[in-house]
Amino acid sequence: TGVTPFIYSEVMLSSSGGVKGVVLRGVDSKTAKGVL
């Protein structure tokens, strides 16, 4: 019913509130709606 490309990586997210390691998911906003 749906196919979407994705990118997976682990990065650090930094803001004035602190730093946190996160799992980063690159998605295609058009096709991701039918899959996720």
PDB file of all heavy atoms in Angstrom:
ATOM      1  N   THR A   1       0.803  -1.228   0.000  1.00  0.00           N
ATOM      2  CA  THR A   1       0.000   0.000   0.000  1.00  0.00           C
ATOM      3  C   THR A   1       0.836   1.279   0.000  1.00  0.00           C
ATOM      4  O   THR A   1       0.299   2.356  -0.254  1.00  0.00           O
ATOM      5  CB  THR A   1      -0.931   0.023   1.223  1.00  0.00           C
ATOM      6  OG1 THR A   1      -0.145  -0.039   2.427  1.00  0.00           O
ATOM      7  CG2 THR A   1      -1.887  -1.171   1.190  1.00  0.00           C
ATOM      8  N   GLY A   2       2.113   1.167   0.297  1.00  0.00           N
ATOM      9  CA  GLY A   2       2.946   2.366   0.317  1.00  0.00           C
ATOM     10  C   GLY A   2       4.419   2.041   0.396  1.00  0.00           C
ATOM     11  O   GLY A   2       4.817   1.049   1.010  1.00  0.00           O
ATOM     12  N   VAL A   3       5.236   2.882  -0.236  1.00  0.00           N
ATOM     13  CA  VAL A   3       6.693   2.748  -0.210  1.00  0.00           C
ATOM     14  C   VAL A   3       7.291   4.138  -0.040  1.00  0.00           C
ATOM     15  O   VAL A   3       6.864   5.087  -0.718  1.00  0.00           O
ATOM     16  CB  VAL A   3       7.247   2.109  -1.503  1.00  0.00           C
ATOM     17  CG1 VAL A   3       8.758   1.917  -1.394  1.00  0.00           C
ATOM     18  CG2 VAL A   3       6.558   0.790  -1.804  1.00  0.00           C
ATOM     19  N   THR A   4       8.256   4.270   0.849  1.00  0.00           N
ATOM     20  CA  THR A   4       8.902   5.564   1.050  1.00  0.00           C
ATOM     21  C   THR A   4      10.385   5.364   1.346  1.00  0.00           C
ATOM     22  O   THR A   4      10.756   4.430   2.062  1.00  0.00           O
ATOM     23  CB  THR A   4       8.238   6.341   2.206  1.00  0.00           C
ATOM     24  OG1 THR A   4       8.818   7.651   2.311  1.00  0.00           O
ATOM     25  CG2 THR A   4       8.387   5.623   3.523  1.00  0.00           C
ATOM     26  N   PRO A   5      11.249   6.206   0.801  1.00  0.00           N
ATOM     27  CA  PRO A   5      12.688   6.122   1.117  1.00  0.00           C
ATOM     28  C   PRO A   5      12.980   6.786   2.460  1.00  0.00           C
ATOM     29  O   PRO A   5      12.276   7.708   2.881  1.00  0.00           O
ATOM     30  CB  PRO A   5      13.334   6.891  -0.040  1.00  0.00           C
ATOM     31  CG  PRO A   5      12.295   7.868  -0.462  1.00  0.00           C
ATOM     32  CD  PRO A   5      10.974   7.219  -0.249  1.00  0.00           C
ATOM     33  N   PHE A   6      14.020   6.311   3.132  1.00  0.00           N
ATOM     34  CA  PHE A   6      14.386   6.902   4.421  1.00  0.00           C
ATOM     35  C   PHE A   6      15.905   6.925   4.561  1.00  0.00           C
ATOM     36  O   PHE A   6      16.627   6.189   3.892  1.00  0.00           O
ATOM     37  CB  PHE A   6      13.773   6.114   5.579  1.00  0.00           C
ATOM     38  CG  PHE A   6      14.431   4.792   5.847  1.00  0.00           C
ATOM     39  CD1 PHE A   6      15.430   4.659   6.806  1.00  0.00           C
ATOM     40  CD2 PHE A   6      14.063   3.659   5.126  1.00  0.00           C
ATOM     41  CE1 PHE A   6      16.034   3.439   7.051  1.00  0.00           C
ATOM     42  CE2 PHE A   6      14.674   2.436   5.366  1.00  0.00           C
ATOM     43  CZ  PHE A   6      15.662   2.328   6.321  1.00  0.00           C
ATOM     44  N   ILE A   7      16.347   7.796   5.443  1.00  0.00           N
ATOM     45  CA  ILE A   7      17.763   7.894   5.792  1.00  0.00           C
ATOM     46  C   ILE A   7      17.874   7.766   7.299  1.00  0.00           C
ATOM     47  O   ILE A   7      17.113   8.405   8.043  1.00  0.00           O
ATOM     48  CB  ILE A   7      18.375   9.224   5.311  1.00  0.00           C
ATOM     49  CG1 ILE A   7      18.370   9.294   3.778  1.00  0.00           C
ATOM     50  CG2 ILE A   7      19.793   9.397   5.843  1.00  0.00           C
ATOM     51  CD1 ILE A   7      18.855  10.616   3.224  1.00  0.00           C
ATOM     52  N   TYR A   8      18.797   6.947   7.734  1.00  0.00           N
ATOM     53  CA  TYR A   8      18.958   6.685   9.167  1.00  0.00           C
ATOM     54  C   TYR A   8      20.354   7.112   9.605  1.00  0.00           C
ATOM     55  O   TYR A   8      21.348   6.800   8.952  1.00  0.00           O
ATOM     56  CB  TYR A   8      18.753   5.196   9.444  1.00  0.00           C
ATOM     57  CG  TYR A   8      18.962   4.797  10.892  1.00  0.00           C
ATOM     58  CD1 TYR A   8      17.893   4.753  11.777  1.00  0.00           C
ATOM     59  CD2 TYR A   8      20.228   4.456  11.366  1.00  0.00           C
ATOM     60  CE1 TYR A   8      18.075   4.373  13.094  1.00  0.00           C
ATOM     61  CE2 TYR A   8      20.425   4.084  12.683  1.00  0.00           C
ATOM     62  CZ  TYR A   8      19.343   4.043  13.553  1.00  0.00           C
ATOM     63  OH  TYR A   8      19.527   3.681  14.857  1.00  0.00           O
ATOM     64  N   SER A   9      20.417   7.814  10.734  1.00  0.00           N
ATOM     65  CA  SER A   9      21.707   8.218  11.285  1.00  0.00           C
ATOM     66  C   SER A   9      21.540   8.579  12.759  1.00  0.00           C
ATOM     67  O   SER A   9      20.412   8.777  13.241  1.00  0.00           O
ATOM     68  CB  SER A   9      22.276   9.412  10.514  1.00  0.00           C
ATOM     69  OG  SER A   9      23.545   9.777  11.031  1.00  0.00           O
ATOM     70  N   GLU A  10      22.635   8.641  13.445  1.00  0.00           N
ATOM     71  CA  GLU A  10      22.644   9.068  14.841  1.00  0.00           C
ATOM     72  C   GLU A  10      23.456  10.352  14.949  1.00  0.00           C
ATOM     73  O   GLU A  10      24.598  10.408  14.507  1.00  0.00           O
ATOM     74  CB  GLU A  10      23.240   7.982  15.739  1.00  0.00           C
ATOM     75  CG  GLU A  10      22.408   6.710  15.773  1.00  0.00           C
ATOM     76  CD  GLU A  10      23.021   5.644  16.656  1.00  0.00           C
ATOM     77  OE1 GLU A  10      24.017   5.955  17.338  1.00  0.00           O
ATOM     78  OE2 GLU A  10      22.492   4.517  16.670  1.00  0.00           O
ATOM     79  N   VAL A  11      22.843  11.384  15.529  1.00  0.00           N
ATOM     80  CA  VAL A  11      23.476  12.694  15.607  1.00  0.00           C
ATOM     81  C   VAL A  11      23.298  13.257  17.019  1.00  0.00           C
ATOM     82  O   VAL A  11      22.621  12.664  17.858  1.00  0.00           O
ATOM     83  CB  VAL A  11      22.871  13.672  14.570  1.00  0.00           C
ATOM     84  CG1 VAL A  11      23.078  13.155  13.155  1.00  0.00           C
ATOM     85  CG2 VAL A  11      21.383  13.891  14.839  1.00  0.00           C
ATOM     86  N   MET A  12      23.898  14.407  17.247  1.00  0.00           N
ATOM     87  CA  MET A  12      23.732  15.140  18.498  1.00  0.00           C
ATOM     88  C   MET A  12      22.860  16.361  18.236  1.00  0.00           C
ATOM     89  O   MET A  12      23.083  17.101  17.280  1.00  0.00           O
ATOM     90  CB  MET A  12      25.086  15.575  19.058  1.00  0.00           C
ATOM     91  CG  MET A  12      26.007  14.436  19.440  1.00  0.00           C
ATOM     92  SD  MET A  12      25.407  13.519  20.869  1.00  0.00           S
ATOM     93  CE  MET A  12      25.567  14.758  22.155  1.00  0.00           C
ATOM     94  N   LEU A  13      21.877  16.560  19.094  1.00  0.00           N
ATOM     95  CA  LEU A  13      21.009  17.731  18.980  1.00  0.00           C
ATOM     96  C   LEU A  13      21.344  18.678  20.121  1.00  0.00           C
ATOM     97  O   LEU A  13      21.334  18.296  21.297  1.00  0.00           O
ATOM     98  CB  LEU A  13      19.541  17.308  19.034  1.00  0.00           C
ATOM     99  CG  LEU A  13      18.488  18.364  18.672  1.00  0.00           C
ATOM    100  CD1 LEU A  13      17.277  17.698  18.026  1.00  0.00           C
ATOM    101  CD2 LEU A  13      18.029  19.122  19.916  1.00  0.00           C
ATOM    102  N   SER A  14      21.649  19.918  19.767  1.00  0.00           N
ATOM    103  CA  SER A  14      22.099  20.892  20.757  1.00  0.00           C
ATOM    104  C   SER A  14      21.210  22.128  20.728  1.00  0.00           C
ATOM    105  O   SER A  14      20.822  22.607  19.662  1.00  0.00           O
ATOM    106  CB  SER A  14      23.553  21.292  20.478  1.00  0.00           C
ATOM    107  OG  SER A  14      23.957  22.341  21.323  1.00  0.00           O
ATOM    108  N   SER A  15      20.865  22.615  21.921  1.00  0.00           N
ATOM    109  CA  SER A  15      20.086  23.849  22.065  1.00  0.00           C
ATOM    110  C   SER A  15      20.493  24.528  23.358  1.00  0.00           C
ATOM    111  O   SER A  15      21.367  24.038  24.090  1.00  0.00           O
ATOM    112  CB  SER A  15      18.580  23.550  22.066  1.00  0.00           C
ATOM    113  OG  SER A  15      18.211  22.893  23.259  1.00  0.00           O
ATOM    114  N   SER A  16      19.839  25.621  23.664  1.00  0.00           N
ATOM    115  CA  SER A  16      20.144  26.322  24.907  1.00  0.00           C
ATOM    116  C   SER A  16      19.756  25.499  26.128  1.00  0.00           C
ATOM    117  O   SER A  16      20.234  25.752  27.235  1.00  0.00           O
ATOM    118  CB  SER A  16      19.405  27.671  24.938  1.00  0.00           C
ATOM    119  OG  SER A  16      17.996  27.469  24.813  1.00  0.00           O
ATOM    120  N   GLY A  17      18.872  24.489  25.924  1.00  0.00           N
ATOM    121  CA  GLY A  17      18.434  23.652  27.041  1.00  0.00           C
ATOM    122  C   GLY A  17      19.330  22.466  27.308  1.00  0.00           C
ATOM    123  O   GLY A  17      19.130  21.746  28.290  1.00  0.00           O
ATOM    124  N   GLY A  18      20.325  22.216  26.446  1.00  0.00           N
ATOM    125  CA  GLY A  18      21.233  21.102  26.664  1.00  0.00           C
ATOM    126  C   GLY A  18      21.576  20.385  25.377  1.00  0.00           C
ATOM    127  O   GLY A  18      21.280  20.857  24.269  1.00  0.00           O
ATOM    128  N   VAL A  19      22.197  19.230  25.519  1.00  0.00           N
ATOM    129  CA  VAL A  19      22.626  18.422  24.385  1.00  0.00           C
ATOM    130  C   VAL A  19      22.087  17.009  24.560  1.00  0.00           C
ATOM    131  O   VAL A  19      22.096  16.465  25.678  1.00  0.00           O
ATOM    132  CB  VAL A  19      24.167  18.391  24.266  1.00  0.00           C
ATOM    133  CG1 VAL A  19      24.600  17.536  23.091  1.00  0.00           C
ATOM    134  CG2 VAL A  19      24.715  19.802  24.136  1.00  0.00           C
ATOM    135  N   LYS A  20      21.624  16.406  23.488  1.00  0.00           N
ATOM    136  CA  LYS A  20      21.049  15.060  23.556  1.00  0.00           C
ATOM    137  C   LYS A  20      21.358  14.314  22.275  1.00  0.00           C
ATOM    138  O   LYS A  20      21.208  14.850  21.171  1.00  0.00           O
ATOM    139  CB  LYS A  20      19.528  15.160  23.743  1.00  0.00           C
ATOM    140  CG  LYS A  20      18.792  13.818  23.750  1.00  0.00           C
ATOM    141  CD  LYS A  20      19.048  13.050  25.024  1.00  0.00           C
ATOM    142  CE  LYS A  20      18.098  11.868  25.168  1.00  0.00           C
ATOM    143  NZ  LYS A  20      18.219  10.881  24.091  1.00  0.00           N
ATOM    144  N   GLY A  21      21.797  13.068  22.410  1.00  0.00           N
ATOM    145  CA  GLY A  21      21.976  12.219  21.249  1.00  0.00           C
ATOM    146  C   GLY A  21      20.629  11.716  20.762  1.00  0.00           C
ATOM    147  O   GLY A  21      19.802  11.261  21.566  1.00  0.00           O
ATOM    148  N   VAL A  22      20.379  11.792  19.464  1.00  0.00           N
ATOM    149  CA  VAL A  22      19.083  11.390  18.915  1.00  0.00           C
ATOM    150  C   VAL A  22      19.293  10.502  17.690  1.00  0.00           C
ATOM    151  O   VAL A  22      20.346  10.517  17.056  1.00  0.00           O
ATOM    152  CB  VAL A  22      18.226  12.616  18.520  1.00  0.00           C
ATOM    153  CG1 VAL A  22      17.926  13.475  19.718  1.00  0.00           C
ATOM    154  CG2 VAL A  22      18.911  13.432  17.427  1.00  0.00           C
ATOM    155  N   VAL A  23      18.260   9.726  17.401  1.00  0.00           N
ATOM    156  CA  VAL A  23      18.197   8.959  16.166  1.00  0.00           C
ATOM    157  C   VAL A  23      17.531   9.844  15.119  1.00  0.00           C
ATOM    158  O   VAL A  23      16.389  10.262  15.293  1.00  0.00           O
ATOM    159  CB  VAL A  23      17.402   7.655  16.359  1.00  0.00           C
ATOM    160  CG1 VAL A  23      17.216   6.947  15.027  1.00  0.00           C
ATOM    161  CG2 VAL A  23      18.096   6.751  17.362  1.00  0.00           C
ATOM    162  N   LEU A  24      18.253  10.137  14.060  1.00  0.00           N
ATOM    163  CA  LEU A  24      17.749  11.034  13.033  1.00  0.00           C
ATOM    164  C   LEU A  24      17.189  10.220  11.877  1.00  0.00           C
ATOM    165  O   LEU A  24      17.846   9.332  11.346  1.00  0.00           O
ATOM    166  CB  LEU A  24      18.864  11.951  12.544  1.00  0.00           C
ATOM    167  CG  LEU A  24      18.451  13.047  11.554  1.00  0.00           C
ATOM    168  CD1 LEU A  24      17.537  14.061  12.241  1.00  0.00           C
ATOM    169  CD2 LEU A  24      19.677  13.752  10.976  1.00  0.00           C
ATOM    170  N   ARG A  25      15.955  10.535  11.484  1.00  0.00           N
ATOM    171  CA  ARG A  25      15.312   9.851  10.372  1.00  0.00           C
ATOM    172  C   ARG A  25      15.016  10.862   9.272  1.00  0.00           C
ATOM    173  O   ARG A  25      14.273  11.827   9.486  1.00  0.00           O
ATOM    174  CB  ARG A  25      13.996   9.204  10.833  1.00  0.00           C
ATOM    175  CG  ARG A  25      14.147   8.094  11.852  1.00  0.00           C
ATOM    176  CD  ARG A  25      14.560   6.795  11.213  1.00  0.00           C
ATOM    177  NE  ARG A  25      13.560   6.319  10.278  1.00  0.00           N
ATOM    178  CZ  ARG A  25      12.516   5.561  10.612  1.00  0.00           C
ATOM    179  NH1 ARG A  25      12.353   5.197  11.871  1.00  0.00           N
ATOM    180  NH2 ARG A  25      11.668   5.170   9.704  1.00  0.00           N
ATOM    181  N   GLY A  26      15.631  10.658   8.126  1.00  0.00           N
ATOM    182  CA  GLY A  26      15.273  11.452   6.966  1.00  0.00           C
ATOM    183  C   GLY A  26      14.101  10.797   6.256  1.00  0.00           C
ATOM    184  O   GLY A  26      14.117   9.590   6.018  1.00  0.00           O
ATOM    185  N   VAL A  27      13.055  11.558   5.927  1.00  0.00           N
ATOM    186  CA  VAL A  27      11.857  10.997   5.307  1.00  0.00           C
ATOM    187  C   VAL A  27      11.427  11.866   4.131  1.00  0.00           C
ATOM    188  O   VAL A  27      11.786  13.050   4.035  1.00  0.00           O
ATOM    189  CB  VAL A  27      10.688  10.888   6.317  1.00  0.00           C
ATOM    190  CG1 VAL A  27      11.014   9.915   7.433  1.00  0.00           C
ATOM    191  CG2 VAL A  27      10.327  12.259   6.890  1.00  0.00           C
ATOM    192  N   ASP A  28      10.647  11.273   3.267  1.00  0.00           N
ATOM    193  CA  ASP A  28       9.993  11.992   2.175  1.00  0.00           C
ATOM    194  C   ASP A  28       8.588  12.330   2.650  1.00  0.00           C
ATOM    195  O   ASP A  28       7.757  11.440   2.821  1.00  0.00           O
ATOM    196  CB  ASP A  28       9.952  11.121   0.927  1.00  0.00           C
ATOM    197  CG  ASP A  28       9.365  11.854  -0.285  1.00  0.00           C
ATOM    198  OD1 ASP A  28       8.714  12.893  -0.090  1.00  0.00           O
ATOM    199  OD2 ASP A  28       9.554  11.376  -1.412  1.00  0.00           O
ATOM    200  N   SER A  29       8.315  13.588   2.908  1.00  0.00           N
ATOM    201  CA  SER A  29       7.052  13.990   3.525  1.00  0.00           C
ATOM    202  C   SER A  29       5.834  13.598   2.691  1.00  0.00           C
ATOM    203  O   SER A  29       4.739  13.422   3.226  1.00  0.00           O
ATOM    204  CB  SER A  29       7.036  15.500   3.778  1.00  0.00           C
ATOM    205  OG  SER A  29       7.203  16.212   2.553  1.00  0.00           O
ATOM    206  N   LYS A  30       5.991  13.449   1.384  1.00  0.00           N
ATOM    207  CA  LYS A  30       4.853  13.102   0.532  1.00  0.00           C
ATOM    208  C   LYS A  30       4.508  11.620   0.629  1.00  0.00           C
ATOM    209  O   LYS A  30       3.345  11.260   0.841  1.00  0.00           O
ATOM    210  CB  LYS A  30       5.161  13.477  -0.915  1.00  0.00           C
ATOM    211  CG  LYS A  30       5.315  14.978  -1.148  1.00  0.00           C
ATOM    212  CD  LYS A  30       5.599  15.278  -2.614  1.00  0.00           C
ATOM    213  CE  LYS A  30       5.755  16.778  -2.841  1.00  0.00           C
ATOM    214  NZ  LYS A  30       6.047  17.095  -4.266  1.00  0.00           N
ATOM    215  N   THR A  31       5.497  10.763   0.481  1.00  0.00           N
ATOM    216  CA  THR A  31       5.226   9.326   0.493  1.00  0.00           C
ATOM    217  C   THR A  31       5.190   8.744   1.901  1.00  0.00           C
ATOM    218  O   THR A  31       4.612   7.668   2.112  1.00  0.00           O
ATOM    219  CB  THR A  31       6.285   8.583  -0.325  1.00  0.00           C
ATOM    220  OG1 THR A  31       7.593   8.872   0.216  1.00  0.00           O
ATOM    221  CG2 THR A  31       6.243   9.011  -1.787  1.00  0.00           C
ATOM    222  N   ALA A  32       5.784   9.431   2.880  1.00  0.00           N
ATOM    223  CA  ALA A  32       5.815   8.909   4.250  1.00  0.00           C
ATOM    224  C   ALA A  32       4.422   8.855   4.866  1.00  0.00           C
ATOM    225  O   ALA A  32       4.166   8.046   5.767  1.00  0.00           O
ATOM    226  CB  ALA A  32       6.734   9.758   5.123  1.00  0.00           C
ATOM    227  N   LYS A  33       3.504   9.694   4.398  1.00  0.00           N
ATOM    228  CA  LYS A  33       2.152   9.713   4.959  1.00  0.00           C
ATOM    229  C   LYS A  33       1.423   8.391   4.740  1.00  0.00           C
ATOM    230  O   LYS A  33       0.552   8.031   5.529  1.00  0.00           O
ATOM    231  CB  LYS A  33       1.352  10.860   4.343  1.00  0.00           C
ATOM    232  CG  LYS A  33       1.900  12.239   4.675  1.00  0.00           C
ATOM    233  CD  LYS A  33       1.081  13.331   4.005  1.00  0.00           C
ATOM    234  CE  LYS A  33       1.627  14.720   4.330  1.00  0.00           C
ATOM    235  NZ  LYS A  33       0.848  15.792   3.674  1.00  0.00           N
ATOM    236  N   GLY A  34       1.773   7.690   3.672  1.00  0.00           N
ATOM    237  CA  GLY A  34       1.116   6.419   3.390  1.00  0.00           C
ATOM    238  C   GLY A  34       1.788   5.231   4.025  1.00  0.00           C
ATOM    239  O   GLY A  34       1.315   4.098   3.874  1.00  0.00           O
ATOM    240  N   VAL A  35       2.898   5.455   4.748  1.00  0.00           N
ATOM    241  CA  VAL A  35       3.654   4.348   5.338  1.00  0.00           C
ATOM    242  C   VAL A  35       3.762   4.492   6.851  1.00  0.00           C
ATOM    243  O   VAL A  35       3.567   3.533   7.592  1.00  0.00           O
ATOM    244  CB  VAL A  35       5.062   4.258   4.716  1.00  0.00           C
ATOM    245  CG1 VAL A  35       5.873   3.141   5.361  1.00  0.00           C
ATOM    246  CG2 VAL A  35       4.968   4.054   3.209  1.00  0.00           C
ATOM    247  N   LEU A  36       4.071   5.678   7.332  1.00  0.00           N
ATOM    248  CA  LEU A  36       4.281   5.918   8.755  1.00  0.00           C
ATOM    249  C   LEU A  36       3.073   6.598   9.380  1.00  0.00           C
ATOM    250  O   LEU A  36       2.255   7.219   8.692  1.00  0.00           O
ATOM    251  CB  LEU A  36       5.535   6.778   8.965  1.00  0.00           C
ATOM    252  CG  LEU A  36       6.825   6.275   8.304  1.00  0.00           C
ATOM    253  CD1 LEU A  36       7.960   7.270   8.541  1.00  0.00           C
ATOM    254  CD2 LEU A  36       7.206   4.898   8.834  1.00  0.00           C
TER     255      LEU A  36
END
